[in-house]
C-alpha atoms as a PDB file:
ATOM      1  CA  TYR A   1      -0.015   0.024   0.034  1.00  0.00           C
ATOM      2  CA  SER A   2       1.323   3.442  -0.992  1.00  0.00           C
ATOM      3  CA  GLU A   3       1.245   6.610   1.220  1.00  0.00           C
ATOM      4  CA  LYS A   4      -1.728   8.664   0.545  1.00  0.00           C
ATOM      5  CA  TYR A   5      -1.242  11.675  -1.635  1.00  0.00           C
ATOM      6  CA  GLN A   6      -3.782  14.253  -2.842  1.00  0.00           C
ATOM      7  CA  ASP A   7      -4.790  17.018  -5.206  1.00  0.00           C
ATOM      8  CA  GLY A   8      -7.381  19.724  -4.550  1.00  0.00           C
ATOM      9  CA  LYS A   9     -10.227  17.275  -5.063  1.00  0.00           C
ATOM     10  CA  PHE A  10      -9.246  13.583  -4.148  1.00  0.00           C
ATOM     11  CA  GLU A  11      -6.915  11.863  -1.974  1.00  0.00           C
ATOM     12  CA  TYR A  12      -5.123   8.901  -3.713  1.00  0.00           C
ATOM     13  CA  ARG A  13      -3.144   5.636  -2.950  1.00  0.00           C
ATOM     14  CA  HIS A  14      -2.152   2.678  -4.902  1.00  0.00           C
ATOM     15  CA  VAL A  15      -2.002  -0.989  -3.971  1.00  0.00           C
ATOM     16  CA  ILE A  16       0.368  -3.410  -5.309  1.00  0.00           C
ATOM     17  CA  LEU A  17      -1.133  -7.003  -5.568  1.00  0.00           C
ATOM     18  CA  PRO A  18       0.923 -10.028  -6.223  1.00  0.00           C
ATOM     19  CA  LYS A  19       1.518 -10.549  -9.863  1.00  0.00           C
ATOM     20  CA  ASP A  20      -0.185 -13.839  -9.843  1.00  0.00           C
ATOM     21  CA  LEU A  21      -3.577 -12.083  -8.934  1.00  0.00           C
ATOM     22  CA  ALA A  22      -3.306  -9.705 -11.886  1.00  0.00           C
ATOM     23  CA  ARG A  23      -4.864 -12.398 -14.183  1.00  0.00           C
ATOM     24  CA  ASN A  24      -7.995 -12.302 -12.011  1.00  0.00           C
ATOM     25  CA  ILE A  25      -8.448  -8.505 -12.786  1.00  0.00           C
ATOM     26  CA  PRO A  26     -10.734  -7.552 -15.530  1.00  0.00           C
ATOM     27  CA  LYS A  27      -8.946  -5.575 -18.206  1.00  0.00           C
ATOM     28  CA  ASN A  28     -11.763  -3.513 -19.550  1.00  0.00           C
ATOM     29  CA  ARG A  29     -13.217  -1.977 -16.382  1.00  0.00           C
ATOM     30  CA  THR A  30     -12.492  -1.126 -12.742  1.00  0.00           C
ATOM     31  CA  LEU A  31     -13.314  -3.270  -9.778  1.00  0.00           C
ATOM     32  CA  THR A  32     -16.248  -2.839  -7.615  1.00  0.00           C
ATOM     33  CA  GLU A  33     -15.630  -2.589  -3.799  1.00  0.00           C
ATOM     34  CA  LEU A  34     -16.588  -6.276  -3.367  1.00  0.00           C
ATOM     35  CA  GLU A  35     -14.290  -7.456  -6.093  1.00  0.00           C
ATOM     36  CA  TRP A  36     -11.184  -5.594  -4.760  1.00  0.00           C
ATOM     37  CA  ARG A  37     -11.924  -6.679  -1.066  1.00  0.00           C
ATOM     38  CA  ASN A  38     -12.382 -10.199  -2.306  1.00  0.00           C
ATOM     39  CA  LEU A  39      -8.796 -10.005  -3.728  1.00  0.00           C
ATOM     40  CA  GLY A  40      -7.629  -9.245  -0.157  1.00  0.00           C
ATOM     41  CA  VAL A  41      -7.386  -5.392  -0.417  1.00  0.00           C
ATOM     42  CA  GLN A  42      -8.204  -3.991   3.038  1.00  0.00           C
ATOM     43  CA  GLN A  43      -8.567  -0.336   3.496  1.00  0.00           C
ATOM     44  CA  SER A  44     -11.095   1.995   5.103  1.00  0.00           C
ATOM     45  CA  ARG A  45     -14.326   2.939   3.461  1.00  0.00           C
ATOM     46  CA  GLY A  46     -14.883   5.405   0.716  1.00  0.00           C
ATOM     47  CA  TRP A  47     -12.058   4.351  -1.687  1.00  0.00           C
ATOM     48  CA  GLU A  48     -12.969   3.838  -5.205  1.00  0.00           C
ATOM     49  CA  HIS A  49     -10.904   1.763  -7.726  1.00  0.00           C
ATOM     50  CA  TYR A  50     -10.518   4.359 -10.548  1.00  0.00           C
ATOM     51  CA  ALA A  51      -7.703   2.926 -12.748  1.00  0.00           C
ATOM     52  CA  THR A  52      -5.209   0.241 -13.295  1.00  0.00           C
ATOM     53  CA  HIS A  53      -1.553   1.072 -13.914  1.00  0.00           C
ATOM     54  CA  LYS A  54      -1.390  -0.238 -17.617  1.00  0.00           C
ATOM     55  CA  PRO A  55       2.148  -1.349 -17.852  1.00  0.00           C
ATOM     56  CA  GLU A  56       1.700  -3.191 -14.546  1.00  0.00           C
ATOM     57  CA  PRO A  57      -1.952  -4.552 -13.941  1.00  0.00           C
ATOM     58  CA  HIS A  58      -1.315  -5.709 -10.504  1.00  0.00           C
ATOM     59  CA  ILE A  59      -1.024  -2.157  -9.468  1.00  0.00           C
ATOM     60  CA  LEU A  60      -4.568  -0.758  -8.511  1.00  0.00           C
ATOM     61  CA  LEU A  61      -5.087   3.006  -8.273  1.00  0.00           C
ATOM     62  CA  PHE A  62      -7.589   4.278  -5.629  1.00  0.00           C
ATOM     63  CA  ARG A  63      -9.115   7.655  -4.833  1.00  0.00           C
ATOM     64  CA  ARG A  64     -11.795   9.146  -2.606  1.00  0.00           C
ATOM     65  CA  PRO A  65     -12.964  12.616  -2.146  1.00  0.00           C
ATOM     66  CA  LEU A  66     -11.083  14.918   0.114  1.00  0.00           C
ATOM     67  CA  GLY A  67     -13.081  14.958   3.566  1.00  0.00           C
ATOM     68  CA  THR A  68     -14.430  11.316   3.435  1.00  0.00           C
ATOM     69  CA  ASN A  69     -15.263   9.707   6.681  1.00  0.00           C
ATOM     70  CA  PRO A  70     -13.062   6.709   6.687  1.00  0.00           C
ATOM     71  CA  ILE A  71     -15.701   4.780   8.925  1.00  0.00           C
ATOM     72  CA  SER A  72     -18.858   5.555   7.014  1.00  0.00           C
ATOM     73  CA  GLY A  73     -17.230   6.164   3.607  1.00  0.00           C
ATOM     74  CA  GLU A  74     -19.419   9.437   3.432  1.00  0.00           C
ATOM     75  CA  VAL A  75     -18.214  12.792   2.563  1.00  0.00           C
ATOM     76  CA  ASP A  76     -18.781  15.471   5.064  1.00  0.00           C
ATOM     77  CA  PRO A  77     -19.130  18.779   3.228  1.00  0.00           C
ATOM     78  CA  GLU A  78     -17.527  20.650   6.169  1.00  0.00           C
ATOM     79  CA  SER A  79     -14.530  18.248   6.216  1.00  0.00           C
ATOM     80  CA  GLU A  80     -14.264  18.313   2.492  1.00  0.00           C
ATOM     81  CA  ARG A  81     -14.060  22.233   2.537  1.00  0.00           C
ATOM     82  CA  GLU A  82     -11.399  22.222   5.242  1.00  0.00           C
ATOM     83  CA  ALA A  83      -9.441  19.501   3.316  1.00  0.00           C
ATOM     84  CA  LYS A  84      -9.369  21.673   0.149  1.00  0.00           C
ATOM     85  CA  GLU A  85      -8.308  24.762   2.074  1.00  0.00           C
ATOM     86  CA  LYS A  86      -5.032  23.035   3.343  1.00  0.00           C
END
């Protein structure tokens, strides 16, 4: 798991899976939360698999809106505003 990084809208992280799991990852779409959790990825709520690193399909890219509550997965508008101001 990478450290988290962010831009003005999202926080991001990437997860490197064992290469042998890459063959189980669909090539033409992103994974649902249930699918990536079934692969063994464990992280707090609110993360969305938004892309796969094309040269290395075992690297999954995740993002969630700034200000997301990691327990509920919901975005708190006040926390989102504060995070964007940092």
